[in-house]
């Protein structure tokens, strides 16, 4: 299965994933990542990451923190703690 590149923008202040894009081409993914980094330079609440995997489901498992709403995380930590 070919590697898919996922460009994620997570907003820490809002506590949710702001955007997600999928790329088949690594060069296009890297260029889009560089563009977003430039556009959002200095925005400390944003985390921009480019990750690769075989599917979005894999990314949701390996990088679950980007896909979990903050209110869900708080209720889970309260239930566990």
C-alpha atoms as a PDB file:
ATOM      1  CA  UNK A   1       0.000   0.000   0.000  1.00  0.00           C
ATOM      2  CA  UNK A   2       1.468   3.409  -0.920  1.00  0.00           C
ATOM      3  CA  UNK A   3       2.391   5.974   1.690  1.00  0.00           C
ATOM      4  CA  UNK A   4      -0.146   8.777   2.121  1.00  0.00           C
ATOM      5  CA  UNK A   5       0.981  12.113   3.542  1.00  0.00           C
ATOM      6  CA  UNK A   6      -1.315  13.930   5.963  1.00  0.00           C
ATOM      7  CA  UNK A   7      -0.889  17.619   6.703  1.00  0.00           C
ATOM      8  CA  UNK A   8      -2.525  18.449  10.018  1.00  0.00           C
ATOM      9  CA  UNK A   9      -3.059  21.814  11.664  1.00  0.00           C
ATOM     10  CA  UNK A  10      -3.957  21.544  15.343  1.00  0.00           C
ATOM     11  CA  UNK A  11      -5.176  24.576  17.271  1.00  0.00           C
ATOM     12  CA  UNK A  12      -4.116  24.170  20.905  1.00  0.00           C
ATOM     13  CA  UNK A  13      -6.078  27.217  22.073  1.00  0.00           C
ATOM     14  CA  UNK A  14      -9.332  25.908  20.596  1.00  0.00           C
ATOM     15  CA  UNK A  15      -8.485  22.298  21.415  1.00  0.00           C
ATOM     16  CA  UNK A  16      -9.250  20.785  18.038  1.00  0.00           C
ATOM     17  CA  UNK A  17      -7.903  19.944  14.619  1.00  0.00           C
ATOM     18  CA  UNK A  18      -8.285  23.033  12.448  1.00  0.00           C
ATOM     19  CA  UNK A  19      -7.553  21.350   9.131  1.00  0.00           C
ATOM     20  CA  UNK A  20      -6.355  18.158   7.539  1.00  0.00           C
ATOM     21  CA  UNK A  21      -5.175  17.548   3.980  1.00  0.00           C
ATOM     22  CA  UNK A  22      -4.131  14.359   2.275  1.00  0.00           C
ATOM     23  CA  UNK A  23      -1.411  14.041  -0.370  1.00  0.00           C
ATOM     24  CA  UNK A  24      -0.240  11.159  -2.523  1.00  0.00           C
ATOM     25  CA  UNK A  25       2.826  13.095  -3.675  1.00  0.00           C
ATOM     26  CA  UNK A  26       5.585  13.700  -1.098  1.00  0.00           C
ATOM     27  CA  UNK A  27       6.917  16.809  -2.849  1.00  0.00           C
ATOM     28  CA  UNK A  28       3.483  18.429  -2.933  1.00  0.00           C
ATOM     29  CA  UNK A  29       2.961  17.559   0.731  1.00  0.00           C
ATOM     30  CA  UNK A  30       6.314  19.077   1.716  1.00  0.00           C
ATOM     31  CA  UNK A  31       5.595  22.246  -0.289  1.00  0.00           C
ATOM     32  CA  UNK A  32       2.158  22.640   1.328  1.00  0.00           C
ATOM     33  CA  UNK A  33       3.734  22.108   4.758  1.00  0.00           C
ATOM     34  CA  UNK A  34       6.362  24.783   4.077  1.00  0.00           C
ATOM     35  CA  UNK A  35       3.674  27.190   2.864  1.00  0.00           C
ATOM     36  CA  UNK A  36       1.576  26.692   6.004  1.00  0.00           C
ATOM     37  CA  UNK A  37       4.608  27.104   8.251  1.00  0.00           C
ATOM     38  CA  UNK A  38       5.351  30.417   6.528  1.00  0.00           C
ATOM     39  CA  UNK A  39       1.743  31.670   6.650  1.00  0.00           C
ATOM     40  CA  UNK A  40       1.327  30.798  10.340  1.00  0.00           C
ATOM     41  CA  UNK A  41       4.807  31.770  11.537  1.00  0.00           C
ATOM     42  CA  UNK A  42       4.556  33.130  15.067  1.00  0.00           C
ATOM     43  CA  UNK A  43       1.158  31.601  15.844  1.00  0.00           C
ATOM     44  CA  UNK A  44       2.243  29.686  18.914  1.00  0.00           C
ATOM     45  CA  UNK A  45      -1.132  28.007  19.452  1.00  0.00           C
ATOM     46  CA  UNK A  46      -0.946  26.217  16.116  1.00  0.00           C
ATOM     47  CA  UNK A  47       0.897  22.979  15.578  1.00  0.00           C
ATOM     48  CA  UNK A  48       1.501  22.063  11.945  1.00  0.00           C
ATOM     49  CA  UNK A  49       2.628  18.512  11.283  1.00  0.00           C
ATOM     50  CA  UNK A  50       3.205  16.369   8.235  1.00  0.00           C
ATOM     51  CA  UNK A  51       2.942  12.634   8.854  1.00  0.00           C
ATOM     52  CA  UNK A  52       2.871   9.625   6.595  1.00  0.00           C
ATOM     53  CA  UNK A  53       0.990   6.359   6.870  1.00  0.00           C
ATOM     54  CA  UNK A  54      -0.993   3.838   4.908  1.00  0.00           C
ATOM     55  CA  UNK A  55      -4.360   5.338   5.923  1.00  0.00           C
ATOM     56  CA  UNK A  56      -6.118   8.024   7.944  1.00  0.00           C
ATOM     57  CA  UNK A  57      -7.198   5.330  10.405  1.00  0.00           C
ATOM     58  CA  UNK A  58      -3.537   4.598  11.146  1.00  0.00           C
ATOM     59  CA  UNK A  59      -2.847   8.301  11.730  1.00  0.00           C
ATOM     60  CA  UNK A  60      -5.846   8.478  14.059  1.00  0.00           C
ATOM     61  CA  UNK A  61      -4.292   5.669  16.097  1.00  0.00           C
ATOM     62  CA  UNK A  62      -0.695   6.883  16.099  1.00  0.00           C
ATOM     63  CA  UNK A  63      -1.557  10.574  16.526  1.00  0.00           C
ATOM     64  CA  UNK A  64      -4.853  10.318  18.396  1.00  0.00           C
ATOM     65  CA  UNK A  65      -4.262  13.553  20.324  1.00  0.00           C
ATOM     66  CA  UNK A  66      -4.913  15.552  17.130  1.00  0.00           C
ATOM     67  CA  UNK A  67      -8.302  13.924  16.613  1.00  0.00           C
ATOM     68  CA  UNK A  68      -9.616  14.041  20.157  1.00  0.00           C
ATOM     69  CA  UNK A  69     -11.713  17.020  21.192  1.00  0.00           C
ATOM     70  CA  UNK A  70     -10.387  18.760  24.331  1.00  0.00           C
ATOM     71  CA  UNK A  71     -13.700  18.229  26.140  1.00  0.00           C
ATOM     72  CA  UNK A  72     -13.376  14.487  25.455  1.00  0.00           C
ATOM     73  CA  UNK A  73      -9.800  14.490  26.772  1.00  0.00           C
ATOM     74  CA  UNK A  74     -10.850  16.302  29.954  1.00  0.00           C
ATOM     75  CA  UNK A  75     -13.717  13.899  30.621  1.00  0.00           C
ATOM     76  CA  UNK A  76     -11.460  10.907  29.975  1.00  0.00           C
ATOM     77  CA  UNK A  77      -8.730  12.170  32.308  1.00  0.00           C
ATOM     78  CA  UNK A  78     -11.355  12.930  34.967  1.00  0.00           C
ATOM     79  CA  UNK A  79     -12.833   9.442  34.631  1.00  0.00           C
ATOM     80  CA  UNK A  80      -9.406   7.816  34.851  1.00  0.00           C
ATOM     81  CA  UNK A  81      -8.068  10.015  37.638  1.00  0.00           C
END
